[in-house]
Structure formats: structure tokens, C-alpha cells
PDB file of N, CA and C in Angstrom:
ATOM      1  N   UNK A   1     189.688  74.567 118.035  1.00  0.00           N
ATOM      2  CA  UNK A   1     189.561  72.925 118.019  1.00  0.00           C
ATOM      3  C   UNK A   1     188.628  72.041 118.157  1.00  0.00           C
ATOM      4  N   UNK A   2     188.339  71.079 117.694  1.00  0.00           N
ATOM      5  CA  UNK A   2     187.163  70.177 118.162  1.00  0.00           C
ATOM      6  C   UNK A   2     187.758  69.011 118.744  1.00  0.00           C
ATOM      7  N   UNK A   3     186.818  67.878 119.494  1.00  0.00           N
ATOM      8  CA  UNK A   3     186.613  67.015 119.379  1.00  0.00           C
ATOM      9  C   UNK A   3     185.722  66.225 119.546  1.00  0.00           C
ATOM     10  N   UNK A   4     185.664  64.617 119.380  1.00  0.00           N
ATOM     11  CA  UNK A   4     184.165  63.767 119.494  1.00  0.00           C
ATOM     12  C   UNK A   4     183.309  64.791 119.933  1.00  0.00           C
ATOM     13  N   UNK A   5     183.960  65.195 121.269  1.00  0.00           N
ATOM     14  CA  UNK A   5     182.470  65.108 122.694  1.00  0.00           C
ATOM     15  C   UNK A   5     181.991  66.952 122.864  1.00  0.00           C
ATOM     16  N   UNK A   6     182.380  67.350 121.725  1.00  0.00           N
ATOM     17  CA  UNK A   6     182.049  69.176 121.680  1.00  0.00           C
ATOM     18  C   UNK A   6     180.613  69.496 121.318  1.00  0.00           C
ATOM     19  N   UNK A   7     179.565  69.536 122.501  1.00  0.00           N
ATOM     20  CA  UNK A   7     177.728  69.974 121.554  1.00  0.00           C
ATOM     21  C   UNK A   7     178.408  70.278 120.720  1.00  0.00           C
ATOM     22  N   UNK A   8     179.360  71.417 119.905  1.00  0.00           N
ATOM     23  CA  UNK A   8     178.695  71.871 118.676  1.00  0.00           C
ATOM     24  C   UNK A   8     178.658  70.353 117.459  1.00  0.00           C
ATOM     25  N   UNK A   9     179.025  69.554 117.764  1.00  0.00           N
ATOM     26  CA  UNK A   9     179.037  69.158 116.522  1.00  0.00           C
ATOM     27  C   UNK A   9     177.509  68.592 116.388  1.00  0.00           C
ATOM     28  N   UNK A  10     176.634  67.524 117.819  1.00  0.00           N
ATOM     29  CA  UNK A  10     174.894  67.575 117.129  1.00  0.00           C
ATOM     30  C   UNK A  10     173.979  68.897 117.203  1.00  0.00           C
ATOM     31  N   UNK A  11     174.717  70.104 117.346  1.00  0.00           N
ATOM     32  CA  UNK A  11     174.062  71.194 117.046  1.00  0.00           C
ATOM     33  C   UNK A  11     174.259  71.373 115.735  1.00  0.00           C
ATOM     34  N   UNK A  12     175.875  70.800 114.945  1.00  0.00           N
ATOM     35  CA  UNK A  12     175.675  71.644 113.149  1.00  0.00           C
ATOM     36  C   UNK A  12     174.968  69.833 113.249  1.00  0.00           C
ATOM     37  N   UNK A  13     174.575  69.005 114.036  1.00  0.00           N
ATOM     38  CA  UNK A  13     173.380  67.790 112.528  1.00  0.00           C
ATOM     39  C   UNK A  13     172.097  68.314 112.870  1.00  0.00           C
ATOM     40  N   UNK A  14     171.996  69.018 114.259  1.00  0.00           N
ATOM     41  CA  UNK A  14     170.164  69.488 113.824  1.00  0.00           C
ATOM     42  C   UNK A  14     170.078  71.227 113.253  1.00  0.00           C
ATOM     43  N   UNK A  15     170.912  71.618 113.120  1.00  0.00           N
ATOM     44  CA  UNK A  15     171.048  73.024 111.976  1.00  0.00           C
ATOM     45  C   UNK A  15     170.676  73.710 113.515  1.00  0.00           C
ATOM     46  N   UNK A  16     171.478  74.112 114.589  1.00  0.00           N
ATOM     47  CA  UNK A  16     171.154  74.987 115.360  1.00  0.00           C
ATOM     48  C   UNK A  16     171.918  76.353 115.755  1.00  0.00           C
ATOM     49  N   UNK A  17     173.606  75.755 114.034  1.00  0.00           N
ATOM     50  CA  UNK A  17     174.229  76.403 114.882  1.00  0.00           C
ATOM     51  C   UNK A  17     174.263  77.616 113.608  1.00  0.00           C
ATOM     52  N   UNK A  18     175.011  79.142 114.021  1.00  0.00           N
ATOM     53  CA  UNK A  18     174.924  80.167 113.185  1.00  0.00           C
ATOM     54  C   UNK A  18     175.298  80.016 112.027  1.00  0.00           C
ATOM     55  N   UNK A  19     175.961  80.485 111.093  1.00  0.00           N
ATOM     56  CA  UNK A  19     176.657  80.711 109.537  1.00  0.00           C
ATOM     57  C   UNK A  19     177.881  80.810 109.989  1.00  0.00           C
ATOM     58  N   UNK A  20     178.091  81.038 110.908  1.00  0.00           N
ATOM     59  CA  UNK A  20     180.162  81.324 111.322  1.00  0.00           C
ATOM     60  C   UNK A  20     180.174  80.161 112.012  1.00  0.00           C
ATOM     61  N   UNK A  21     179.917  79.565 113.256  1.00  0.00           N
ATOM     62  CA  UNK A  21     179.897  78.708 113.245  1.00  0.00           C
ATOM     63  C   UNK A  21     179.911  76.815 112.912  1.00  0.00           C
ATOM     64  N   UNK A  22     178.884  76.984 111.782  1.00  0.00           N
ATOM     65  CA  UNK A  22     179.127  75.721 111.572  1.00  0.00           C
ATOM     66  C   UNK A  22     179.976  75.304 109.971  1.00  0.00           C
ATOM     67  N   UNK A  23     180.623  77.469 110.060  1.00  0.00           N
ATOM     68  CA  UNK A  23     181.434  76.404 108.620  1.00  0.00           C
ATOM     69  C   UNK A  23     182.849  76.324 109.675  1.00  0.00           C
ATOM     70  N   UNK A  24     182.529  76.359 111.172  1.00  0.00           N
ATOM     71  CA  UNK A  24     184.032  76.040 111.325  1.00  0.00           C
ATOM     72  C   UNK A  24     183.879  74.347 111.816  1.00  0.00           C
ATOM     73  N   UNK A  25     182.496  74.242 112.212  1.00  0.00           N
ATOM     74  CA  UNK A  25     182.740  72.961 112.480  1.00  0.00           C
ATOM     75  C   UNK A  25     182.587  72.289 110.860  1.00  0.00           C
ATOM     76  N   UNK A  26     181.892  72.459 110.204  1.00  0.00           N
ATOM     77  CA  UNK A  26     182.247  72.279 108.652  1.00  0.00           C
ATOM     78  C   UNK A  26     183.988  71.586 108.134  1.00  0.00           C
ATOM     79  N   UNK A  27     184.662  72.912 108.590  1.00  0.00           N
ATOM     80  CA  UNK A  27     185.632  72.664 108.508  1.00  0.00           C
ATOM     81  C   UNK A  27     186.645  72.328 109.424  1.00  0.00           C
ATOM     82  N   UNK A  28     186.315  71.582 110.231  1.00  0.00           N
ATOM     83  CA  UNK A  28     187.448  71.016 110.984  1.00  0.00           C
ATOM     84  C   UNK A  28     186.797  69.350 111.351  1.00  0.00           C
ATOM     85  N   UNK A  29     185.459  68.800 110.287  1.00  0.00           N
ATOM     86  CA  UNK A  29     185.498  67.801 109.931  1.00  0.00           C
ATOM     87  C   UNK A  29     185.808  67.245 108.368  1.00  0.00           C
ATOM     88  N   UNK A  30     185.863  68.744 107.954  1.00  0.00           N
ATOM     89  CA  UNK A  30     187.307  68.258 106.926  1.00  0.00           C
ATOM     90  C   UNK A  30     188.883  67.091 106.697  1.00  0.00           C
ATOM     91  N   UNK A  31     188.740  67.397 108.150  1.00  0.00           N
ATOM     92  CA  UNK A  31     190.632  67.070 108.248  1.00  0.00           C
ATOM     93  C   UNK A  31     190.442  66.286 109.315  1.00  0.00           C
ATOM     94  N   UNK A  32     189.153  66.027 109.635  1.00  0.00           N
ATOM     95  CA  UNK A  32     189.414  64.868 110.790  1.00  0.00           C
ATOM     96  C   UNK A  32     188.453  63.458 110.905  1.00  0.00           C
ATOM     97  N   UNK A  33     189.004  62.504 110.077  1.00  0.00           N
ATOM     98  CA  UNK A  33     188.433  61.410 110.539  1.00  0.00           C
ATOM     99  C   UNK A  33     187.426  61.185 111.946  1.00  0.00           C
ATOM    100  N   UNK A  34     188.217  61.189 112.621  1.00  0.00           N
ATOM    101  CA  UNK A  34     187.270  60.637 114.371  1.00  0.00           C
ATOM    102  C   UNK A  34     186.111  61.194 114.380  1.00  0.00           C
ATOM    103  N   UNK A  35     186.054  63.153 114.304  1.00  0.00           N
ATOM    104  CA  UNK A  35     184.679  63.990 114.355  1.00  0.00           C
ATOM    105  C   UNK A  35     183.748  63.162 112.932  1.00  0.00           C
ATOM    106  N   UNK A  36     184.923  62.755 111.740  1.00  0.00           N
ATOM    107  CA  UNK A  36     183.459  62.304 110.659  1.00  0.00           C
ATOM    108  C   UNK A  36     182.739  61.532 111.140  1.00  0.00           C
ATOM    109  N   UNK A  37     183.277  59.893 112.187  1.00  0.00           N
ATOM    110  CA  UNK A  37     182.971  59.231 112.279  1.00  0.00           C
ATOM    111  C   UNK A  37     182.293  59.321 113.129  1.00  0.00           C
ATOM    112  N   UNK A  38     182.865  60.129 114.060  1.00  0.00           N
ATOM    113  CA  UNK A  38     181.254  60.754 115.098  1.00  0.00           C
ATOM    114  C   UNK A  38     179.492  61.256 114.786  1.00  0.00           C
ATOM    115  N   UNK A  39     180.114  61.933 113.888  1.00  0.00           N
ATOM    116  CA  UNK A  39     178.636  63.064 112.898  1.00  0.00           C
ATOM    117  C   UNK A  39     178.058  62.230 111.930  1.00  0.00           C
ATOM    118  N   UNK A  40     178.460  60.214 111.729  1.00  0.00           N
ATOM    119  CA  UNK A  40     177.767  59.737 111.442  1.00  0.00           C
ATOM    120  C   UNK A  40     177.552  58.356 112.640  1.00  0.00           C
ATOM    121  N   UNK A  41     178.092  58.624 113.205  1.00  0.00           N
ATOM    122  CA  UNK A  41     176.906  57.805 114.083  1.00  0.00           C
ATOM    123  C   UNK A  41     176.197  58.572 115.269  1.00  0.00           C
ATOM    124  N   UNK A  42     176.552  59.863 115.608  1.00  0.00           N
ATOM    125  CA  UNK A  42     175.440  60.977 115.834  1.00  0.00           C
ATOM    126  C   UNK A  42     174.197  61.376 114.850  1.00  0.00           C
ATOM    127  N   UNK A  43     174.210  61.363 113.479  1.00  0.00           N
ATOM    128  CA  UNK A  43     173.885  61.753 111.915  1.00  0.00           C
ATOM    129  C   UNK A  43     172.750  58.755 112.514  1.00  0.00           C
ATOM    130  N   UNK A  44     173.134  58.940 112.655  1.00  0.00           N
ATOM    131  CA  UNK A  44     172.721  57.778 112.865  1.00  0.00           C
ATOM    132  C   UNK A  44     171.374  57.826 113.916  1.00  0.00           C
ATOM    133  N   UNK A  45     171.496  57.772 114.754  1.00  0.00           N
ATOM    134  CA  UNK A  45     171.237  57.786 116.472  1.00  0.00           C
ATOM    135  C   UNK A  45     169.691  59.169 115.799  1.00  0.00           C
ATOM    136  N   UNK A  46     170.156  60.182 115.502  1.00  0.00           N
ATOM    137  CA  UNK A  46     168.664  60.811 115.285  1.00  0.00           C
ATOM    138  C   UNK A  46     167.720  60.163 114.442  1.00  0.00           C
ATOM    139  N   UNK A  47     168.515  59.345 113.291  1.00  0.00           N
ATOM    140  CA  UNK A  47     167.474  58.670 112.320  1.00  0.00           C
ATOM    141  C   UNK A  47     166.918  58.206 113.128  1.00  0.00           C
ATOM    142  N   UNK A  48     166.787  56.658 114.198  1.00  0.00           N
ATOM    143  CA  UNK A  48     166.673  56.297 114.737  1.00  0.00           C
ATOM    144  C   UNK A  48     165.367  57.153 115.495  1.00  0.00           C
ATOM    145  N   UNK A  49     166.333  57.670 116.717  1.00  0.00           N
ATOM    146  CA  UNK A  49     164.701  58.187 116.857  1.00  0.00           C
ATOM    147  C   UNK A  49     163.528  59.283 115.725  1.00  0.00           C
ATOM    148  N   UNK A  50     164.211  59.460 115.058  1.00  0.00           N
ATOM    149  CA  UNK A  50     163.165  59.969 113.703  1.00  0.00           C
ATOM    150  C   UNK A  50     161.654  58.683 113.647  1.00  0.00           C
ATOM    151  N   UNK A  51     163.121  57.910 113.501  1.00  0.00           N
ATOM    152  CA  UNK A  51     162.014  56.178 112.976  1.00  0.00           C
ATOM    153  C   UNK A  51     161.064  56.544 114.144  1.00  0.00           C
ATOM    154  N   UNK A  52     161.070  55.802 115.459  1.00  0.00           N
ATOM    155  CA  UNK A  52     160.399  55.858 116.579  1.00  0.00           C
ATOM    156  C   UNK A  52     159.775  57.151 116.922  1.00  0.00           C
ATOM    157  N   UNK A  53     159.406  57.875 116.469  1.00  0.00           N
ATOM    158  CA  UNK A  53     159.004  59.657 117.262  1.00  0.00           C
ATOM    159  C   UNK A  53     157.707  58.625 115.964  1.00  0.00           C
ATOM    160  N   UNK A  54     158.109  59.058 114.800  1.00  0.00           N
ATOM    161  CA  UNK A  54     156.495  58.829 113.397  1.00  0.00           C
ATOM    162  C   UNK A  54     156.678  57.617 113.780  1.00  0.00           C
ATOM    163  N   UNK A  55     156.412  57.302 114.455  1.00  0.00           N
ATOM    164  CA  UNK A  55     155.979  55.210 114.213  1.00  0.00           C
ATOM    165  C   UNK A  55     154.988  55.801 115.432  1.00  0.00           C
ATOM    166  N   UNK A  56     156.109  55.865 116.752  1.00  0.00           N
ATOM    167  CA  UNK A  56     154.881  56.356 117.340  1.00  0.00           C
ATOM    168  C   UNK A  56     153.563  56.743 116.827  1.00  0.00           C
ATOM    169  N   UNK A  57     153.957  58.260 116.283  1.00  0.00           N
ATOM    170  CA  UNK A  57     152.672  59.110 116.319  1.00  0.00           C
ATOM    171  C   UNK A  57     150.922  58.700 114.909  1.00  0.00           C
ATOM    172  N   UNK A  58     152.014  57.486 114.353  1.00  0.00           N
ATOM    173  CA  UNK A  58     151.338  57.079 113.534  1.00  0.00           C
ATOM    174  C   UNK A  58     150.207  55.177 113.859  1.00  0.00           C
ATOM    175  N   UNK A  59     150.860  55.053 115.442  1.00  0.00           N
ATOM    176  CA  UNK A  59     150.081  53.557 116.081  1.00  0.00           C
ATOM    177  C   UNK A  59     149.010  54.067 117.354  1.00  0.00           C
ATOM    178  N   UNK A  60     149.362  55.780 117.654  1.00  0.00           N
ATOM    179  CA  UNK A  60     149.005  56.426 118.315  1.00  0.00           C
ATOM    180  C   UNK A  60     147.350  56.500 118.311  1.00  0.00           C
ATOM    181  N   UNK A  61     146.669  55.746 118.811  1.00  0.00           N
ATOM    182  CA  UNK A  61     145.564  57.043 118.693  1.00  0.00           C
ATOM    183  C   UNK A  61     144.772  58.404 118.996  1.00  0.00           C
ATOM    184  N   UNK A  62     144.246  58.916 118.221  1.00  0.00           N
ATOM    185  CA  UNK A  62     143.761  59.851 118.295  1.00  0.00           C
ATOM    186  C   UNK A  62     142.973  60.199 119.337  1.00  0.00           C
ATOM    187  N   UNK A  63     142.718  61.595 119.879  1.00  0.00           N
ATOM    188  CA  UNK A  63     142.200  61.702 121.472  1.00  0.00           C
ATOM    189  C   UNK A  63     141.503  62.673 120.547  1.00  0.00           C
ATOM    190  N   UNK A  64     140.675  63.107 119.584  1.00  0.00           N
ATOM    191  CA  UNK A  64     139.886  64.111 119.298  1.00  0.00           C
ATOM    192  C   UNK A  64     139.760  65.170 119.517  1.00  0.00           C
ATOM    193  N   UNK A  65     139.221  66.148 119.712  1.00  0.00           N
ATOM    194  CA  UNK A  65     139.172  68.065 120.072  1.00  0.00           C
ATOM    195  C   UNK A  65     138.916  67.194 121.446  1.00  0.00           C
ATOM    196  N   UNK A  66     139.402  67.933 122.047  1.00  0.00           N
ATOM    197  CA  UNK A  66     139.264  67.372 124.287  1.00  0.00           C
ATOM    198  C   UNK A  66     139.760  69.237 124.204  1.00  0.00           C
ATOM    199  N   UNK A  67     138.941  69.712 125.183  1.00  0.00           N
ATOM    200  CA  UNK A  67     139.657  70.705 125.733  1.00  0.00           C
ATOM    201  C   UNK A  67     140.078  70.650 127.406  1.00  0.00           C
ATOM    202  N   UNK A  68     140.511  71.620 127.907  1.00  0.00           N
ATOM    203  CA  UNK A  68     141.184  71.342 129.187  1.00  0.00           C
ATOM    204  C   UNK A  68     139.872  71.830 129.941  1.00  0.00           C
ATOM    205  N   UNK A  69     139.096  71.588 131.087  1.00  0.00           N
ATOM    206  CA  UNK A  69     138.616  71.797 131.414  1.00  0.00           C
ATOM    207  C   UNK A  69     136.830  71.747 131.097  1.00  0.00           C
ATOM    208  N   UNK A  70     136.592  70.828 129.792  1.00  0.00           N
ATOM    209  CA  UNK A  70     134.644  70.009 129.258  1.00  0.00           C
ATOM    210  C   UNK A  70     135.398  68.704 129.775  1.00  0.00           C
ATOM    211  N   UNK A  71     133.618  68.835 130.626  1.00  0.00           N
ATOM    212  CA  UNK A  71     133.498  67.216 130.794  1.00  0.00           C
ATOM    213  C   UNK A  71     133.729  66.136 130.548  1.00  0.00           C
ATOM    214  N   UNK A  72     134.258  65.106 130.991  1.00  0.00           N
ATOM    215  CA  UNK A  72     133.963  63.752 130.846  1.00  0.00           C
ATOM    216  C   UNK A  72     133.208  63.243 129.945  1.00  0.00           C
ATOM    217  N   UNK A  73     132.056  62.919 128.775  1.00  0.00           N
ATOM    218  CA  UNK A  73     131.320  62.613 127.765  1.00  0.00           C
ATOM    219  C   UNK A  73     130.230  61.204 128.899  1.00  0.00           C
ATOM    220  N   UNK A  74     130.518  60.804 129.028  1.00  0.00           N
ATOM    221  CA  UNK A  74     129.838  59.662 130.849  1.00  0.00           C
ATOM    222  C   UNK A  74     129.043  60.387 131.051  1.00  0.00           C
ATOM    223  N   UNK A  75     129.648  62.195 131.507  1.00  0.00           N
ATOM    224  CA  UNK A  75     128.644  61.937 133.153  1.00  0.00           C
ATOM    225  C   UNK A  75     126.736  62.902 132.621  1.00  0.00           C
TER     226      UNK A  75
END
């Protein structure tokens, strides 16, 4: 039995379950509207987090090629 706090729900959303576990979650979702609603909320949160990371990647300046141990260029 699944409830909305089951960690397998987020693992399912992220594609981290093996085939058998994913099938169990899929079957539970078919008959449980509370789980369906929770999955939709989790999808919205994951989407928002992805959007934030993508926007940060686009606005963060690149450091170019810097290797650990390279002396600063102004020395």
C-alpha cells in the first residue's frame, strides 16, 4: 500500500525505480487519486527546481578553463 509520503513516489517521478517497483507505483496511481494529486504536486516542484537551475546556468558567467593549482594570472 502506498501513501503520499512514500519515497518511491518521488523515485518514480525521477525514473529511479527498477521496472518491478515502477509497475507497482503505476498500478497504485491508477486507483488512488490522492497519490495522483501528490505526483502532480511533485512534478510541479521538480519543474520549478529545474527552471531555477537552468536560469542560474544561463546567468552565471563561465570561469573558463582553470585547473586546480594554477597560479592566479596577476602574479
